[in-house]
């Protein structure tokens, strides 16, 4: 084992962290957000793209309108980018996001018959999909245990496990991923019903 990869974290500590996070989410989690209450793959994917570098409150204001006009990849694949830009302008980065959304819709139609693949390697080849969005899809749509790593969760993991990232991209940091392999429940439903 490489010196960059920490020893496995204590099982009792892992279970404790899981319970604390689940309890916190039950009390403080934003379950009311429209993308949290849907199992529609396209709606979840659109949310993942819109939420990048943007607050959830700003996204809430455009999310439903965008999906009302473009409820699936085929409805967006041949849309005018200017029309999409106009809808998402309030959240910023509207030119980049509009182009990515249209290109993503086209790629899904052309390569996957409008379906969203459940493979990280296939997902990150799609326009606008990076590691975080791929993890959202794998977790929410494909029901595959996968870590969601953003700035806030990384700070928590670094402090909680006394670990300093070795790679700029946390998804490529073998040490962090080793810790998270232990932390992520193999069957999340089991943990959501416990406590």
Protein backbone atom coordinates (compact mmCIF):
# COMPACT_ATOMS: atom_id res chain seq x y z
CA UNK A 1 0.00 0.00 0.00
CA UNK A 2 1.30 3.47 -0.92
CA UNK A 3 2.32 5.86 1.85
CA UNK A 4 -0.21 8.32 0.36
CA UNK A 5 -3.05 6.00 1.31
CA UNK A 6 -4.04 6.13 5.00
CA UNK A 7 -4.83 3.11 7.07
CA UNK A 8 -8.48 2.12 7.20
CA UNK A 9 -10.56 4.28 9.54
CA UNK A 10 -12.03 2.72 12.70
CA UNK A 11 -15.43 1.07 12.02
CA UNK A 12 -17.06 2.52 15.13
CA UNK A 13 -15.97 6.01 14.14
CA UNK A 14 -17.31 5.45 10.61
CA UNK A 15 -20.69 4.34 11.97
CA UNK A 16 -20.75 7.33 14.32
CA UNK A 17 -20.05 9.77 11.45
CA UNK A 18 -22.79 8.16 9.33
CA UNK A 19 -25.34 8.52 12.16
CA UNK A 20 -24.42 12.15 12.79
CA UNK A 21 -24.68 13.08 9.11
CA UNK A 22 -28.02 11.28 8.67
CA UNK A 23 -29.44 12.85 11.83
CA UNK A 24 -28.24 16.29 10.74
CA UNK A 25 -29.87 15.86 7.32
CA UNK A 26 -33.16 14.79 8.88
CA UNK A 27 -33.27 18.05 10.84
CA UNK A 28 -31.55 20.56 8.55
CA UNK A 29 -31.46 19.01 5.07
CA UNK A 30 -33.04 20.92 2.20
CA UNK A 31 -35.49 18.20 1.20
CA UNK A 32 -37.91 20.77 -0.24
CA UNK A 33 -35.65 21.55 -3.20
CA UNK A 34 -37.40 20.54 -6.44
CA UNK A 35 -34.53 18.37 -7.72
CA UNK A 36 -34.47 16.40 -4.45
CA UNK A 37 -38.07 15.28 -4.87
CA UNK A 38 -37.72 13.88 -8.36
CA UNK A 39 -36.44 10.62 -9.73
CA UNK A 40 -36.62 11.87 -13.32
CA UNK A 41 -33.09 11.41 -14.71
CA UNK A 42 -33.17 14.49 -16.96
CA UNK A 43 -34.38 16.74 -14.12
CA UNK A 44 -31.60 15.53 -11.82
CA UNK A 45 -28.97 16.00 -14.53
CA UNK A 46 -30.17 19.52 -15.35
CA UNK A 47 -30.00 20.44 -11.64
CA UNK A 48 -26.43 19.14 -11.39
CA UNK A 49 -25.37 21.39 -14.27
CA UNK A 50 -27.23 24.46 -13.03
CA UNK A 51 -25.93 24.13 -9.48
CA UNK A 52 -22.28 24.26 -10.48
CA UNK A 53 -20.71 27.35 -8.87
CA UNK A 54 -24.18 28.75 -8.11
CA UNK A 55 -26.30 28.98 -4.98
CA UNK A 56 -29.32 26.74 -4.73
CA UNK A 57 -31.62 29.73 -4.20
CA UNK A 58 -30.70 31.19 -7.58
CA UNK A 59 -31.16 27.83 -9.29
CA UNK A 60 -34.61 27.31 -7.72
CA UNK A 61 -35.75 30.45 -9.54
CA UNK A 62 -34.97 29.08 -13.03
CA UNK A 63 -35.08 25.30 -12.63
CA UNK A 64 -38.83 24.72 -13.02
CA UNK A 65 -39.16 27.14 -15.95
CA UNK A 66 -36.30 25.49 -17.81
CA UNK A 67 -37.76 22.01 -17.30
CA UNK A 68 -41.26 23.16 -18.24
CA UNK A 69 -39.93 24.31 -21.62
CA UNK A 70 -37.39 21.49 -22.07
CA UNK A 71 -38.68 18.45 -20.13
CA UNK A 72 -36.34 15.93 -21.79
CA UNK A 73 -33.16 15.75 -23.87
CA UNK A 74 -35.00 15.64 -27.19
CA UNK A 75 -36.88 18.87 -26.44
CA UNK A 76 -33.59 20.68 -25.72
CA UNK A 77 -31.29 19.05 -28.28
CA UNK A 78 -32.34 21.36 -31.11
CA UNK A 79 -33.31 24.42 -29.10
CA UNK A 80 -31.84 27.79 -29.93
CA UNK A 81 -29.01 28.45 -27.51
CA UNK A 82 -30.16 32.08 -27.19
CA UNK A 83 -33.56 30.89 -25.92
CA UNK A 84 -31.89 28.69 -23.30
CA UNK A 85 -29.56 31.53 -22.31
CA UNK A 86 -32.52 33.81 -21.72
CA UNK A 87 -34.16 31.30 -19.37
CA UNK A 88 -31.07 30.71 -17.25
CA UNK A 89 -29.57 34.20 -17.38
CA UNK A 90 -30.44 34.99 -13.71
CA UNK A 91 -28.05 32.31 -12.40
CA UNK A 92 -24.96 33.54 -14.25
CA UNK A 93 -22.62 31.75 -16.62
CA UNK A 94 -25.69 31.49 -18.85
CA UNK A 95 -23.78 31.38 -22.16
CA UNK A 96 -21.53 28.51 -21.08
CA UNK A 97 -24.33 26.58 -19.36
CA UNK A 98 -26.79 27.03 -22.23
CA UNK A 99 -24.26 25.70 -24.73
CA UNK A 100 -23.37 22.78 -22.44
CA UNK A 101 -27.03 21.89 -21.86
CA UNK A 102 -27.81 21.85 -25.58
CA UNK A 103 -24.64 19.88 -26.39
CA UNK A 104 -25.40 17.47 -23.55
CA UNK A 105 -28.94 16.90 -24.82
CA UNK A 106 -27.61 16.25 -28.34
CA UNK A 107 -24.99 13.81 -27.04
CA UNK A 108 -27.58 11.92 -25.00
CA UNK A 109 -29.86 11.62 -28.05
CA UNK A 110 -27.08 10.62 -30.47
CA UNK A 111 -25.06 8.27 -28.25
CA UNK A 112 -27.52 6.94 -25.68
CA UNK A 113 -30.97 7.21 -27.29
CA UNK A 114 -31.91 9.92 -24.78
CA UNK A 115 -30.95 7.80 -21.75
CA UNK A 116 -28.36 8.73 -19.15
CA UNK A 117 -25.51 6.21 -18.76
CA UNK A 118 -24.63 4.73 -15.36
CA UNK A 119 -20.89 4.64 -15.87
CA UNK A 120 -18.52 7.30 -14.54
CA UNK A 121 -16.24 6.93 -17.56
CA UNK A 122 -19.18 7.46 -19.94
CA UNK A 123 -20.69 10.28 -17.89
CA UNK A 124 -17.56 12.41 -17.76
CA UNK A 125 -17.24 12.23 -21.55
CA UNK A 126 -20.53 14.11 -21.83
CA UNK A 127 -20.49 17.93 -22.28
CA UNK A 128 -20.70 19.79 -18.98
CA UNK A 129 -20.36 16.68 -16.81
CA UNK A 130 -17.44 16.57 -14.42
CA UNK A 131 -16.70 14.33 -11.48
CA UNK A 132 -19.22 15.97 -9.14
CA UNK A 133 -22.12 15.82 -11.61
CA UNK A 134 -21.15 12.22 -12.44
CA UNK A 135 -21.31 11.37 -8.73
CA UNK A 136 -24.74 12.97 -8.43
CA UNK A 137 -25.99 10.83 -11.32
CA UNK A 138 -24.39 7.64 -10.00
CA UNK A 139 -25.88 8.20 -6.54
CA UNK A 140 -29.33 9.53 -7.37
CA UNK A 141 -30.17 7.76 -10.61
CA UNK A 142 -28.02 4.67 -10.74
CA UNK A 143 -28.17 3.92 -6.99
CA UNK A 144 -24.41 3.36 -6.92
CA UNK A 145 -22.58 4.39 -3.73
CA UNK A 146 -20.27 7.22 -4.76
CA UNK A 147 -18.80 10.19 -2.85
CA UNK A 148 -20.01 13.73 -3.50
CA UNK A 149 -17.01 15.98 -3.09
CA UNK A 150 -17.37 19.73 -3.03
CA UNK A 151 -15.46 22.45 -1.21
CA UNK A 152 -17.54 22.13 1.96
CA UNK A 153 -17.46 18.35 2.23
CA UNK A 154 -13.74 18.34 1.51
CA UNK A 155 -13.12 20.71 4.44
CA UNK A 156 -15.13 18.43 6.70
CA UNK A 157 -13.29 15.28 5.55
CA UNK A 158 -9.88 16.91 5.92
CA UNK A 159 -10.63 18.00 9.49
CA UNK A 160 -12.58 14.94 10.54
CA UNK A 161 -9.96 12.46 9.31
CA UNK A 162 -6.92 14.72 9.77
CA UNK A 163 -6.11 14.32 6.11
CA UNK A 164 -4.55 16.81 3.70
CA UNK A 165 -5.31 16.36 0.01
CA UNK A 166 -2.38 15.16 -2.07
CA UNK A 167 -3.99 15.89 -5.47
CA UNK A 168 -5.69 19.00 -6.75
CA UNK A 169 -8.66 16.97 -7.97
CA UNK A 170 -10.06 15.18 -4.90
CA UNK A 171 -11.55 12.42 -7.08
CA UNK A 172 -7.98 11.50 -8.08
CA UNK A 173 -6.61 11.52 -4.51
CA UNK A 174 -6.16 7.84 -3.63
CA UNK A 175 -5.83 8.55 0.09
CA UNK A 176 -9.09 10.44 0.32
CA UNK A 177 -10.89 7.92 -1.86
CA UNK A 178 -9.62 5.13 0.41
CA UNK A 179 -11.17 6.87 3.43
CA UNK A 180 -14.43 7.48 1.59
CA UNK A 181 -14.66 3.86 0.46
CA UNK A 182 -14.96 2.99 4.15
CA UNK A 183 -17.34 5.87 4.89
CA UNK A 184 -19.88 5.40 2.10
CA UNK A 185 -22.55 2.86 3.02
CA UNK A 186 -22.93 0.01 0.56
CA UNK A 187 -26.69 0.07 1.15
CA UNK A 188 -27.79 3.64 1.94
CA UNK A 189 -31.42 2.58 2.57
CA UNK A 190 -30.31 0.51 5.55
CA UNK A 191 -28.69 3.56 7.13
CA UNK A 192 -31.55 5.93 6.36
CA UNK A 193 -33.93 3.69 8.32
CA UNK A 194 -31.66 3.32 11.32
CA UNK A 195 -30.65 5.60 14.20
